[in-house]
Amino acid sequence: YAVKNGAKVINASWGGSGADANLADAIARARAAGVIVVTSAGNDGQNDDTAGQYPANYARDYDNTIAVAATTKSGTLASFSNYGAGTVAV
């Protein structure tokens, strides 16, 4: 929907533990259209490099996907935020 309607950036600040082929296809279509997908890293305090968190983990497969962690007011990683050197960009 967003790609068809001219979006340049999609905010996907939600997630869960399961991969979904339809969501992966949508991210691939967004990539083909030059659209960036910004996702939440998650709020489980876990390492997304070793635990499944989607759509954040699609950052491994699609270079148009950016997973974002939560920070405190001082800019440090929030205690509840997910993280991951290979999956979380910001």
N, C-alpha and C. Protein backbone atom coordinates (compact mmCIF):
# COMPACT_ATOMS: atom_id res chain seq x y z
N TYR A 1 0.81 -1.19 0.00
CA TYR A 1 0.00 0.00 0.00
C TYR A 1 0.86 1.26 0.00
N ALA A 2 1.84 1.29 0.92
CA ALA A 2 2.68 2.49 1.03
C ALA A 2 3.50 2.72 -0.23
N VAL A 3 4.07 1.66 -0.77
CA VAL A 3 4.87 1.78 -1.98
C VAL A 3 3.99 2.25 -3.15
N LYS A 4 2.83 1.63 -3.29
CA LYS A 4 1.91 2.00 -4.37
C LYS A 4 1.49 3.46 -4.30
N ASN A 5 1.47 4.01 -3.09
CA ASN A 5 1.01 5.38 -2.90
C ASN A 5 2.15 6.39 -2.77
N GLY A 6 3.35 5.99 -3.16
CA GLY A 6 4.46 6.93 -3.26
C GLY A 6 5.31 7.15 -2.03
N ALA A 7 5.16 6.31 -1.02
CA ALA A 7 5.99 6.47 0.18
C ALA A 7 7.47 6.32 -0.18
N LYS A 8 8.31 7.08 0.48
CA LYS A 8 9.76 6.95 0.34
C LYS A 8 10.38 6.27 1.56
N VAL A 9 9.67 6.39 2.70
CA VAL A 9 10.10 5.77 3.95
C VAL A 9 8.88 5.14 4.60
N ILE A 10 9.04 3.91 5.09
CA ILE A 10 7.97 3.21 5.79
C ILE A 10 8.41 2.99 7.23
N ASN A 11 7.57 3.37 8.19
CA ASN A 11 7.83 3.15 9.60
C ASN A 11 7.14 1.86 10.02
N ALA A 12 7.93 0.87 10.42
CA ALA A 12 7.40 -0.41 10.88
C ALA A 12 7.88 -0.64 12.31
N SER A 13 7.41 0.20 13.22
CA SER A 13 7.88 0.12 14.60
C SER A 13 7.01 -0.83 15.41
N TRP A 14 6.99 -2.06 14.98
CA TRP A 14 6.26 -3.15 15.63
C TRP A 14 7.06 -4.41 15.36
N GLY A 15 6.70 -5.49 15.97
CA GLY A 15 7.46 -6.71 15.69
C GLY A 15 6.99 -7.91 16.45
N GLY A 16 7.62 -9.00 16.12
CA GLY A 16 7.33 -10.28 16.75
C GLY A 16 8.45 -11.26 16.46
N SER A 17 8.28 -12.47 16.91
CA SER A 17 9.36 -13.45 16.83
C SER A 17 9.36 -14.27 15.56
N GLY A 18 8.35 -14.17 14.73
CA GLY A 18 8.28 -15.03 13.56
C GLY A 18 8.50 -14.32 12.24
N ALA A 19 9.27 -14.96 11.38
CA ALA A 19 9.44 -14.45 10.02
C ALA A 19 8.16 -14.70 9.26
N ASP A 20 7.92 -13.89 8.24
CA ASP A 20 6.70 -14.01 7.45
C ASP A 20 7.04 -13.78 5.99
N ALA A 21 6.75 -14.74 5.14
CA ALA A 21 7.09 -14.66 3.72
C ALA A 21 6.41 -13.47 3.05
N ASN A 22 5.17 -13.17 3.41
CA ASN A 22 4.47 -12.04 2.81
C ASN A 22 5.13 -10.71 3.18
N LEU A 23 5.56 -10.60 4.43
CA LEU A 23 6.24 -9.39 4.86
C LEU A 23 7.60 -9.26 4.16
N ALA A 24 8.32 -10.35 4.04
CA ALA A 24 9.60 -10.33 3.33
C ALA A 24 9.40 -9.90 1.89
N ASP A 25 8.35 -10.40 1.24
CA ASP A 25 8.05 -10.00 -0.13
C ASP A 25 7.74 -8.51 -0.22
N ALA A 26 7.00 -7.99 0.75
CA ALA A 26 6.66 -6.57 0.76
C ALA A 26 7.92 -5.72 0.92
N ILE A 27 8.84 -6.15 1.77
CA ILE A 27 10.09 -5.41 1.96
C ILE A 27 10.92 -5.47 0.69
N ALA A 28 10.92 -6.62 0.02
CA ALA A 28 11.64 -6.74 -1.26
C ALA A 28 11.03 -5.82 -2.32
N ARG A 29 9.72 -5.72 -2.37
CA ARG A 29 9.06 -4.81 -3.32
C ARG A 29 9.40 -3.36 -2.98
N ALA A 30 9.44 -3.05 -1.70
CA ALA A 30 9.83 -1.70 -1.28
C ALA A 30 11.26 -1.41 -1.72
N ARG A 31 12.14 -2.36 -1.54
CA ARG A 31 13.54 -2.19 -1.95
C ARG A 31 13.63 -1.92 -3.45
N ALA A 32 12.90 -2.70 -4.24
CA ALA A 32 12.92 -2.53 -5.70
C ALA A 32 12.42 -1.14 -6.11
N ALA A 33 11.56 -0.56 -5.29
CA ALA A 33 11.02 0.77 -5.57
C ALA A 33 11.85 1.88 -4.94
N GLY A 34 12.95 1.54 -4.27
CA GLY A 34 13.80 2.54 -3.65
C GLY A 34 13.28 3.08 -2.33
N VAL A 35 12.44 2.29 -1.66
CA VAL A 35 11.81 2.73 -0.41
C VAL A 35 12.57 2.16 0.79
N ILE A 36 12.82 3.00 1.79
CA ILE A 36 13.49 2.60 3.03
C ILE A 36 12.43 2.12 4.02
N VAL A 37 12.74 1.02 4.74
CA VAL A 37 11.85 0.49 5.78
C VAL A 37 12.57 0.60 7.12
N VAL A 38 12.03 1.42 8.01
CA VAL A 38 12.62 1.61 9.34
C VAL A 38 11.82 0.77 10.32
N THR A 39 12.51 -0.09 11.07
CA THR A 39 11.84 -1.00 12.00
C THR A 39 12.32 -0.79 13.43
N SER A 40 11.51 -1.23 14.35
CA SER A 40 11.90 -1.27 15.76
C SER A 40 12.79 -2.48 15.99
N ALA A 41 13.86 -2.31 16.75
CA ALA A 41 14.70 -3.45 17.11
C ALA A 41 13.95 -4.39 18.05
N GLY A 42 13.00 -3.87 18.78
CA GLY A 42 12.24 -4.66 19.75
C GLY A 42 12.51 -4.20 21.17
N ASN A 43 11.66 -4.63 22.07
CA ASN A 43 11.74 -4.19 23.47
C ASN A 43 11.82 -5.35 24.44
N ASP A 44 12.61 -6.37 24.08
CA ASP A 44 12.75 -7.55 24.93
C ASP A 44 14.10 -7.64 25.61
N GLY A 45 14.97 -6.65 25.41
CA GLY A 45 16.31 -6.67 26.00
C GLY A 45 17.17 -7.80 25.49
N GLN A 46 16.93 -8.22 24.24
CA GLN A 46 17.67 -9.37 23.70
C GLN A 46 18.52 -8.99 22.50
N ASN A 47 19.44 -9.86 22.15
CA ASN A 47 20.32 -9.67 21.02
C ASN A 47 19.60 -10.16 19.76
N ASP A 48 19.26 -9.25 18.86
CA ASP A 48 18.57 -9.63 17.63
C ASP A 48 19.45 -10.46 16.70
N ASP A 49 20.76 -10.45 16.90
CA ASP A 49 21.64 -11.28 16.08
C ASP A 49 21.41 -12.76 16.35
N THR A 50 20.96 -13.09 17.55
CA THR A 50 20.77 -14.51 17.90
C THR A 50 19.31 -14.88 18.16
N ALA A 51 18.44 -13.90 18.26
CA ALA A 51 17.02 -14.17 18.51
C ALA A 51 16.21 -13.57 17.36
N GLY A 52 15.17 -14.26 16.97
CA GLY A 52 14.34 -13.78 15.87
C GLY A 52 13.46 -12.62 16.29
N GLN A 53 13.60 -11.49 15.63
CA GLN A 53 12.75 -10.32 15.86
C GLN A 53 12.45 -9.73 14.48
N TYR A 54 11.21 -9.81 14.09
CA TYR A 54 10.82 -9.36 12.75
C TYR A 54 9.80 -8.23 12.83
N PRO A 55 9.91 -7.25 11.98
CA PRO A 55 10.69 -7.19 10.75
C PRO A 55 12.15 -6.74 10.91
N ALA A 56 12.61 -6.46 12.12
CA ALA A 56 13.98 -5.97 12.31
C ALA A 56 15.03 -6.90 11.70
N ASN A 57 14.86 -8.20 11.84
CA ASN A 57 15.87 -9.13 11.34
C ASN A 57 15.96 -9.19 9.82
N TYR A 58 15.00 -8.62 9.13
CA TYR A 58 15.11 -8.55 7.67
C TYR A 58 16.24 -7.63 7.24
N ALA A 59 16.80 -6.86 8.16
CA ALA A 59 17.95 -6.02 7.85
C ALA A 59 19.13 -6.86 7.38
N ARG A 60 19.17 -8.12 7.75
CA ARG A 60 20.23 -9.02 7.29
C ARG A 60 20.12 -9.29 5.79
N ASP A 61 18.91 -9.31 5.28
CA ASP A 61 18.66 -9.72 3.90
C ASP A 61 18.36 -8.57 2.95
N TYR A 62 17.88 -7.47 3.48
CA TYR A 62 17.45 -6.35 2.64
C TYR A 62 18.14 -5.07 3.11
N ASP A 63 18.95 -4.50 2.23
CA ASP A 63 19.72 -3.32 2.61
C ASP A 63 18.88 -2.04 2.71
N ASN A 64 17.60 -2.14 2.45
CA ASN A 64 16.72 -0.99 2.62
C ASN A 64 16.03 -1.00 3.98
N THR A 65 16.37 -1.96 4.82
CA THR A 65 15.75 -2.10 6.13
C THR A 65 16.72 -1.65 7.22
N ILE A 66 16.26 -0.75 8.08
CA ILE A 66 17.08 -0.19 9.16
C ILE A 66 16.39 -0.47 10.48
N ALA A 67 17.01 -1.27 11.33
CA ALA A 67 16.46 -1.55 12.66
C ALA A 67 17.01 -0.53 13.65
N VAL A 68 16.11 0.02 14.46
CA VAL A 68 16.45 1.10 15.39
C VAL A 68 16.18 0.66 16.83
N ALA A 69 17.18 0.82 17.69
CA ALA A 69 17.05 0.50 19.11
C ALA A 69 16.49 1.70 19.87
N ALA A 70 16.06 1.46 21.09
CA ALA A 70 15.59 2.54 21.98
C ALA A 70 16.77 3.03 22.82
N THR A 71 16.77 4.32 23.11
CA THR A 71 17.82 4.90 23.94
C THR A 71 17.21 5.68 25.09
N THR A 72 18.06 5.98 26.04
CA THR A 72 17.66 6.83 27.16
C THR A 72 17.83 8.29 26.74
N LYS A 73 17.43 9.20 27.60
CA LYS A 73 17.60 10.63 27.31
C LYS A 73 19.06 11.00 27.12
N SER A 74 19.96 10.27 27.78
CA SER A 74 21.39 10.57 27.66
C SER A 74 22.02 9.91 26.45
N GLY A 75 21.24 9.11 25.70
CA GLY A 75 21.77 8.52 24.47
C GLY A 75 22.33 7.11 24.62
N THR A 76 22.24 6.54 25.80
CA THR A 76 22.71 5.16 25.97
C THR A 76 21.57 4.20 25.64
N LEU A 77 21.90 2.96 25.38
CA LEU A 77 20.90 1.95 25.07
C LEU A 77 19.96 1.76 26.25
N ALA A 78 18.67 1.83 25.98
CA ALA A 78 17.68 1.60 27.05
C ALA A 78 17.76 0.15 27.51
N SER A 79 17.56 -0.10 28.78
CA SER A 79 17.71 -1.44 29.35
C SER A 79 16.77 -2.46 28.72
N PHE A 80 15.62 -2.03 28.25
CA PHE A 80 14.63 -2.93 27.66
C PHE A 80 14.83 -3.14 26.17
N SER A 81 15.69 -2.33 25.54
CA SER A 81 15.82 -2.35 24.09
C SER A 81 16.58 -3.57 23.58
N ASN A 82 16.14 -4.08 22.45
CA ASN A 82 16.93 -5.09 21.76
C ASN A 82 18.13 -4.41 21.13
N TYR A 83 19.12 -5.21 20.78
CA TYR A 83 20.38 -4.71 20.22
C TYR A 83 20.91 -5.77 19.28
N GLY A 84 21.99 -5.52 18.61
CA GLY A 84 22.62 -6.51 17.76
C GLY A 84 23.55 -5.86 16.76
N ALA A 85 24.81 -6.21 16.82
CA ALA A 85 25.82 -5.61 15.94
C ALA A 85 25.54 -5.90 14.47
N GLY A 86 24.95 -7.04 14.17
CA GLY A 86 24.71 -7.41 12.77
C GLY A 86 23.32 -7.05 12.27
N THR A 87 22.42 -6.70 13.16
CA THR A 87 21.04 -6.46 12.74
C THR A 87 20.52 -5.07 13.09
N VAL A 88 21.01 -4.46 14.14
CA VAL A 88 20.49 -3.17 14.57
C VAL A 88 21.46 -2.07 14.16
N ALA A 89 20.96 -1.12 13.36
CA ALA A 89 21.83 -0.09 12.79
C ALA A 89 21.95 1.15 13.64
N VAL A 90 20.88 1.51 14.33
CA VAL A 90 20.87 2.78 15.07
C VAL A 90 20.42 2.52 16.49
